[in-house]
Amino acid sequence: MLWTEKMFNVKKPIIAMLHLSPLPGDPLFKHGDSMKDVVSKAREDLHALLKGGVDGILISNEFSLPYQRNMQFITPAAMARVIGELKSEINVPFGVDCISDGLATIELAAAVDADFVRGTFSGVYVGDGGLYNNDFSMLLRRKAELHLDNLKMLYFINPESDRNLDLRPLSSIAKSVIFKTDADGLCISASAAGQDVDNQLMIDVKTVNPDVVVVCNTGVRLDTVQEKLRYADVAIVGTTFKIDGVFKERIDVNRVKSFMEVVCGLRKQYE
């Protein structure tokens, strides 16, 4: 049995993204904005996702654009405040992702008792933000120092928007990352948020690494979920749960319910 089945109590769990509004210090956080409003909007989205029936929540600073490789302290501090105010209302396993900063992600997880994290913890990438070099030896030692033995880590191995400078086949990268880090899960992405993940990539990674959790990280919609769950063990869903499927909108509880009804029907074939 995969660890995800034990944590979420279902096969093929759906982890919903809880995108926090711009936070203090972010370019999109304007004069007059407040943390009180950030918390209020996060609470509204959280309850819509939970009412819709998702299996887990992944909280991220999605609107901290452009993302920082070495995050200012204010960002994880603000995220910790939001999570602290909402934690008693979260009744499913939850994780955190301080986007583009693996160390901040791990330390935030320690502060809020997260069940899992997602992030770019390994590899060297280049993109609009420049060169992104990850030191997983440091990150895993910090995780050990914080005694996060039970914290599950979901690794990006082909992050959206950035190009991997490691030219090996993705299945070979996955096998190497697992050997060196004992990764709990591998996130397979498309070239941009909301785009469809190549099914063959998921097949290749799972074939070479059958015991690791393969996560379909982008492009899971009502019209693609059946196909994607055929190859992925977990799906992370963000934009499709929003009003009209628009990235910048709030969560639409009816879209979540419709999606999860389909997923519950699909699960019968995996029992």
Protein backbone atom coordinates (compact mmCIF):
# COMPACT_ATOMS: atom_id res chain seq x y z
CA MET A 1 0.00 0.00 0.00
CA LEU A 2 1.30 3.44 -0.92
CA TRP A 3 1.80 5.95 1.89
CA THR A 4 -0.71 8.26 0.21
CA GLU A 5 -3.45 5.67 0.64
CA LYS A 6 -2.68 5.54 4.37
CA MET A 7 -2.47 9.32 4.81
CA PHE A 8 -5.57 10.23 2.79
CA ASN A 9 -7.54 7.00 3.37
CA VAL A 10 -8.39 6.68 -0.33
CA LYS A 11 -6.79 5.47 -3.53
CA LYS A 12 -5.87 8.16 -6.05
CA PRO A 13 -6.27 11.14 -3.67
CA ILE A 14 -6.96 14.63 -4.97
CA ILE A 15 -4.89 17.36 -3.34
CA ALA A 16 -6.39 20.80 -3.88
CA MET A 17 -4.32 23.95 -4.12
CA LEU A 18 -5.16 26.74 -1.68
CA HIS A 19 -3.60 29.76 -3.38
CA LEU A 20 -3.01 32.54 -0.89
CA SER A 21 -3.60 36.13 -1.99
CA PRO A 22 -0.55 38.41 -2.38
CA LEU A 23 1.32 38.74 0.90
CA PRO A 24 3.16 41.70 2.47
CA GLY A 25 6.30 42.41 0.48
CA ASP A 26 4.88 40.94 -2.73
CA PRO A 27 4.62 43.34 -5.69
CA LEU A 28 0.88 42.55 -5.96
CA PHE A 29 0.25 43.42 -2.27
CA LYS A 30 -0.81 47.04 -2.59
CA HIS A 31 -1.09 49.92 -0.13
CA GLY A 32 -4.31 49.39 1.79
CA ASP A 33 -4.27 45.59 1.50
CA SER A 34 -4.28 43.71 4.79
CA MET A 35 -3.39 40.36 6.27
CA LYS A 36 -6.89 40.24 7.73
CA ASP A 37 -8.26 40.17 4.19
CA VAL A 38 -5.71 37.52 3.12
CA VAL A 39 -6.89 35.29 5.98
CA SER A 40 -10.55 35.92 5.18
CA LYS A 41 -10.17 34.97 1.51
CA ALA A 42 -8.10 31.91 2.41
CA ARG A 43 -10.79 30.80 4.86
CA GLU A 44 -13.48 31.20 2.21
CA ASP A 45 -11.51 29.13 -0.31
CA LEU A 46 -10.61 26.51 2.29
CA HIS A 47 -14.23 25.89 3.23
CA ALA A 48 -15.27 25.71 -0.42
CA LEU A 49 -12.62 23.04 -1.05
CA LEU A 50 -13.54 21.05 2.04
CA LYS A 51 -17.26 21.27 1.29
CA GLY A 52 -16.48 20.09 -2.23
CA GLY A 53 -14.90 16.93 -0.84
CA VAL A 54 -11.19 17.13 -1.66
CA ASP A 55 -8.83 14.70 0.06
CA GLY A 56 -6.01 17.09 0.95
CA ILE A 57 -4.97 20.74 0.82
CA LEU A 58 -1.69 22.22 -0.41
CA ILE A 59 -1.18 25.83 0.70
CA SER A 60 1.08 27.99 -1.46
CA ASN A 61 2.03 31.63 -1.99
CA GLU A 62 0.86 31.42 -5.58
CA PHE A 63 0.48 35.16 -6.04
CA SER A 64 3.93 36.13 -4.73
CA LEU A 65 4.96 36.76 -8.35
CA PRO A 66 7.74 36.93 -9.34
CA TYR A 67 8.91 34.17 -6.99
CA GLN A 68 12.04 34.53 -4.87
CA ARG A 69 14.70 31.85 -4.85
CA ASN A 70 15.77 32.93 -1.35
CA MET A 71 12.59 34.14 0.24
CA GLN A 72 12.39 37.20 2.49
CA PHE A 73 11.34 36.28 6.02
CA ILE A 74 8.02 38.10 5.69
CA THR A 75 6.63 35.56 3.23
CA PRO A 76 6.79 32.34 5.31
CA ALA A 77 5.90 34.43 8.36
CA ALA A 78 2.73 35.64 6.63
CA MET A 79 1.94 32.11 5.45
CA ALA A 80 2.39 30.81 8.99
CA ARG A 81 -0.05 33.42 10.28
CA VAL A 82 -2.71 32.37 7.75
CA ILE A 83 -2.22 28.68 8.49
CA GLY A 84 -2.20 29.30 12.24
CA GLU A 85 -5.56 31.05 12.03
CA LEU A 86 -7.09 28.36 9.82
CA LYS A 87 -5.48 25.17 11.09
CA SER A 88 -8.28 24.20 13.48
CA GLU A 89 -10.65 24.30 10.49
CA ILE A 90 -8.56 21.98 8.29
CA ASN A 91 -9.89 18.43 8.65
CA VAL A 92 -7.83 16.73 5.94
CA PRO A 93 -4.06 16.24 5.59
CA PHE A 94 -2.37 19.45 4.45
CA GLY A 95 0.94 20.52 3.01
CA VAL A 96 2.84 23.70 2.22
CA ASP A 97 4.85 25.03 -0.70
CA CYS A 98 6.89 28.24 -0.38
CA ILE A 99 7.27 28.47 -4.12
CA SER A 100 10.88 28.30 -5.39
CA ASP A 101 12.43 28.15 -1.90
CA GLY A 102 12.89 24.63 -0.59
CA LEU A 103 14.45 25.68 2.71
CA ALA A 104 11.58 28.05 3.53
CA THR A 105 9.13 25.28 2.65
CA ILE A 106 10.72 22.80 5.05
CA GLU A 107 11.02 25.32 7.87
CA LEU A 108 7.42 26.48 7.42
CA ALA A 109 6.31 22.84 7.55
CA ALA A 110 8.04 22.49 10.91
CA ALA A 111 6.35 25.62 12.26
CA VAL A 112 2.80 24.60 11.27
CA ASP A 113 3.03 20.79 11.60
CA ALA A 114 2.34 20.15 7.93
CA ASP A 115 1.87 16.57 6.76
CA PHE A 116 3.71 17.00 3.46
CA VAL A 117 5.57 19.51 1.32
CA ARG A 118 5.97 20.08 -2.40
CA GLY A 119 8.88 21.90 -3.95
CA THR A 120 11.89 22.07 -6.25
CA PHE A 121 14.32 20.44 -3.88
CA SER A 122 16.81 19.02 -6.39
CA GLY A 123 18.34 19.76 -9.78
CA VAL A 124 19.55 22.84 -11.63
CA TYR A 125 17.12 24.89 -13.70
CA VAL A 126 17.12 28.06 -15.75
CA GLY A 127 14.18 30.31 -16.51
CA ASP A 128 12.85 33.85 -16.32
CA GLY A 129 14.16 34.16 -12.76
CA GLY A 130 17.70 33.14 -13.74
CA LEU A 131 19.66 30.11 -12.56
CA TYR A 132 18.10 27.94 -9.87
CA ASN A 133 20.57 25.57 -8.19
CA ASN A 134 19.17 23.31 -5.46
CA ASP A 135 21.31 21.77 -2.72
CA PHE A 136 19.32 18.77 -1.51
CA SER A 137 22.16 17.71 0.79
CA MET A 138 21.60 20.89 2.82
CA LEU A 139 17.80 20.67 2.68
CA LEU A 140 17.65 17.09 3.92
CA ARG A 141 20.10 17.82 6.73
CA ARG A 142 17.91 20.74 7.80
CA LYS A 143 14.88 18.45 7.70
CA ALA A 144 16.74 16.00 9.95
CA GLU A 145 17.79 18.81 12.34
CA LEU A 146 14.15 19.78 12.71
CA HIS A 147 13.19 16.13 13.42
CA LEU A 148 10.70 16.05 10.57
CA ASP A 149 10.96 12.28 10.21
CA ASN A 150 7.32 11.87 9.22
CA LEU A 151 7.15 14.80 6.80
CA LYS A 152 6.48 13.54 3.26
CA MET A 153 8.30 15.32 0.44
CA LEU A 154 6.95 15.65 -3.09
CA TYR A 155 9.77 16.58 -5.46
CA PHE A 156 9.38 18.51 -8.69
CA ILE A 157 11.59 16.78 -11.23
CA ASN A 158 10.52 18.86 -14.24
CA PRO A 159 9.22 22.16 -12.85
CA GLU A 160 6.77 24.09 -15.02
CA SER A 161 8.16 27.23 -16.68
CA ASP A 162 11.85 26.39 -16.07
CA ARG A 163 14.21 24.26 -18.16
CA ASN A 164 16.17 21.46 -16.53
CA LEU A 165 19.88 21.66 -17.35
CA ASP A 166 20.17 17.91 -16.64
CA LEU A 167 19.66 16.34 -20.08
CA ARG A 168 19.17 12.76 -18.91
CA PRO A 169 15.78 11.11 -19.56
CA LEU A 170 13.26 12.04 -16.88
CA SER A 171 12.99 8.42 -15.73
CA SER A 172 16.76 8.34 -15.11
CA ILE A 173 16.63 11.62 -13.17
CA ALA A 174 13.77 10.21 -11.11
CA LYS A 175 15.68 7.02 -10.30
CA SER A 176 18.76 9.01 -9.26
CA VAL A 177 16.77 11.42 -7.08
CA ILE A 178 15.02 8.54 -5.33
CA PHE A 179 18.31 6.73 -4.68
CA LYS A 180 19.98 9.82 -3.22
CA THR A 181 17.05 11.33 -1.30
CA ASP A 182 14.54 8.55 -0.67
CA ALA A 183 11.92 10.90 -2.14
CA ASP A 184 8.35 10.16 -1.10
CA GLY A 185 6.81 11.34 -4.35
CA LEU A 186 7.70 12.79 -7.73
CA CYS A 187 5.67 15.59 -9.32
CA ILE A 188 5.39 15.41 -13.11
CA SER A 189 4.48 18.74 -14.71
CA ALA A 190 3.76 20.18 -18.13
CA SER A 191 5.62 23.18 -19.50
CA ALA A 192 3.19 25.61 -17.85
CA ALA A 193 0.54 25.65 -15.13
CA GLY A 194 -2.77 24.27 -16.34
CA GLN A 195 -1.25 22.42 -19.31
CA ASP A 196 -1.62 18.65 -19.72
CA VAL A 197 1.11 16.40 -18.38
CA ASP A 198 2.52 13.99 -20.97
CA ASN A 199 1.10 10.58 -20.02
CA GLN A 200 4.19 8.84 -21.34
CA LEU A 201 6.37 10.76 -18.88
CA MET A 202 4.29 9.44 -15.99
CA ILE A 203 4.41 5.92 -17.43
CA ASP A 204 8.19 6.06 -17.89
CA VAL A 205 8.83 7.35 -14.36
CA LYS A 206 6.46 4.83 -12.73
CA THR A 207 7.86 1.91 -14.75
CA VAL A 208 11.40 2.57 -13.59
CA ASN A 209 10.35 3.52 -10.04
CA PRO A 210 7.25 1.41 -9.26
CA ASP A 211 7.32 1.95 -5.49
CA VAL A 212 7.37 5.76 -5.57
CA VAL A 213 4.26 7.94 -5.65
CA VAL A 214 3.84 9.62 -9.03
CA VAL A 215 1.95 12.92 -8.87
CA CYS A 216 0.20 14.49 -11.85
CA ASN A 217 1.02 18.09 -11.04
CA THR A 218 -0.70 20.14 -13.76
CA GLY A 219 -3.59 20.03 -16.20
CA VAL A 220 -5.99 17.81 -14.26
CA ARG A 221 -9.49 18.90 -15.24
CA LEU A 222 -12.93 17.35 -15.34
CA ASP A 223 -12.31 16.25 -18.94
CA THR A 224 -8.84 14.81 -18.22
CA VAL A 225 -9.04 13.37 -14.69
CA GLN A 226 -10.02 9.86 -15.77
CA GLU A 227 -7.06 9.65 -18.13
CA LYS A 228 -4.56 11.18 -15.70
CA LEU A 229 -5.54 8.97 -12.76
CA ARG A 230 -4.91 5.94 -14.94
CA TYR A 231 -1.19 6.73 -14.75
CA ALA A 232 -0.78 8.89 -11.62
CA ASP A 233 -1.14 7.85 -7.98
CA VAL A 234 -2.11 11.38 -6.90
CA ALA A 235 -3.36 14.49 -8.65
CA ILE A 236 -2.80 18.08 -7.53
CA VAL A 237 -5.58 20.35 -8.74
CA GLY A 238 -5.65 24.14 -8.71
CA THR A 239 -7.05 26.28 -11.51
CA THR A 240 -9.90 23.99 -12.54
CA PHE A 241 -11.53 24.44 -9.10
CA LYS A 242 -11.81 28.20 -9.60
CA ILE A 243 -14.69 30.24 -10.97
CA ASP A 244 -14.88 29.56 -14.73
CA GLY A 245 -11.52 27.76 -14.43
CA VAL A 246 -9.67 31.09 -14.29
CA PHE A 247 -6.39 31.15 -12.36
CA LYS A 248 -6.94 34.52 -10.64
CA GLU A 249 -10.47 33.75 -9.45
CA ARG A 250 -11.68 32.30 -6.13
CA ILE A 251 -12.75 28.69 -5.53
CA ASP A 252 -16.12 27.59 -6.97
CA VAL A 253 -17.57 24.96 -4.63
CA ASN A 254 -19.85 23.59 -7.34
CA ARG A 255 -16.91 22.93 -9.67
CA VAL A 256 -15.14 21.13 -6.82
CA LYS A 257 -18.20 18.98 -6.07
CA SER A 258 -18.70 18.02 -9.72
CA PHE A 259 -15.04 17.08 -10.06
CA MET A 260 -14.96 15.01 -6.86
CA GLU A 261 -18.15 13.17 -7.78
CA VAL A 262 -16.42 11.95 -10.94
CA VAL A 263 -13.29 10.99 -8.98
CA CYS A 264 -15.31 9.01 -6.42
CA GLY A 265 -16.88 7.07 -9.27
CA LEU A 266 -13.50 6.38 -10.83
CA ARG A 267 -12.05 5.04 -7.59
CA LYS A 268 -14.33 2.01 -7.67
CA GLN A 269 -12.22 0.49 -10.42
CA TYR A 270 -9.10 0.71 -8.22
CA GLU A 271 -10.61 -0.96 -5.14
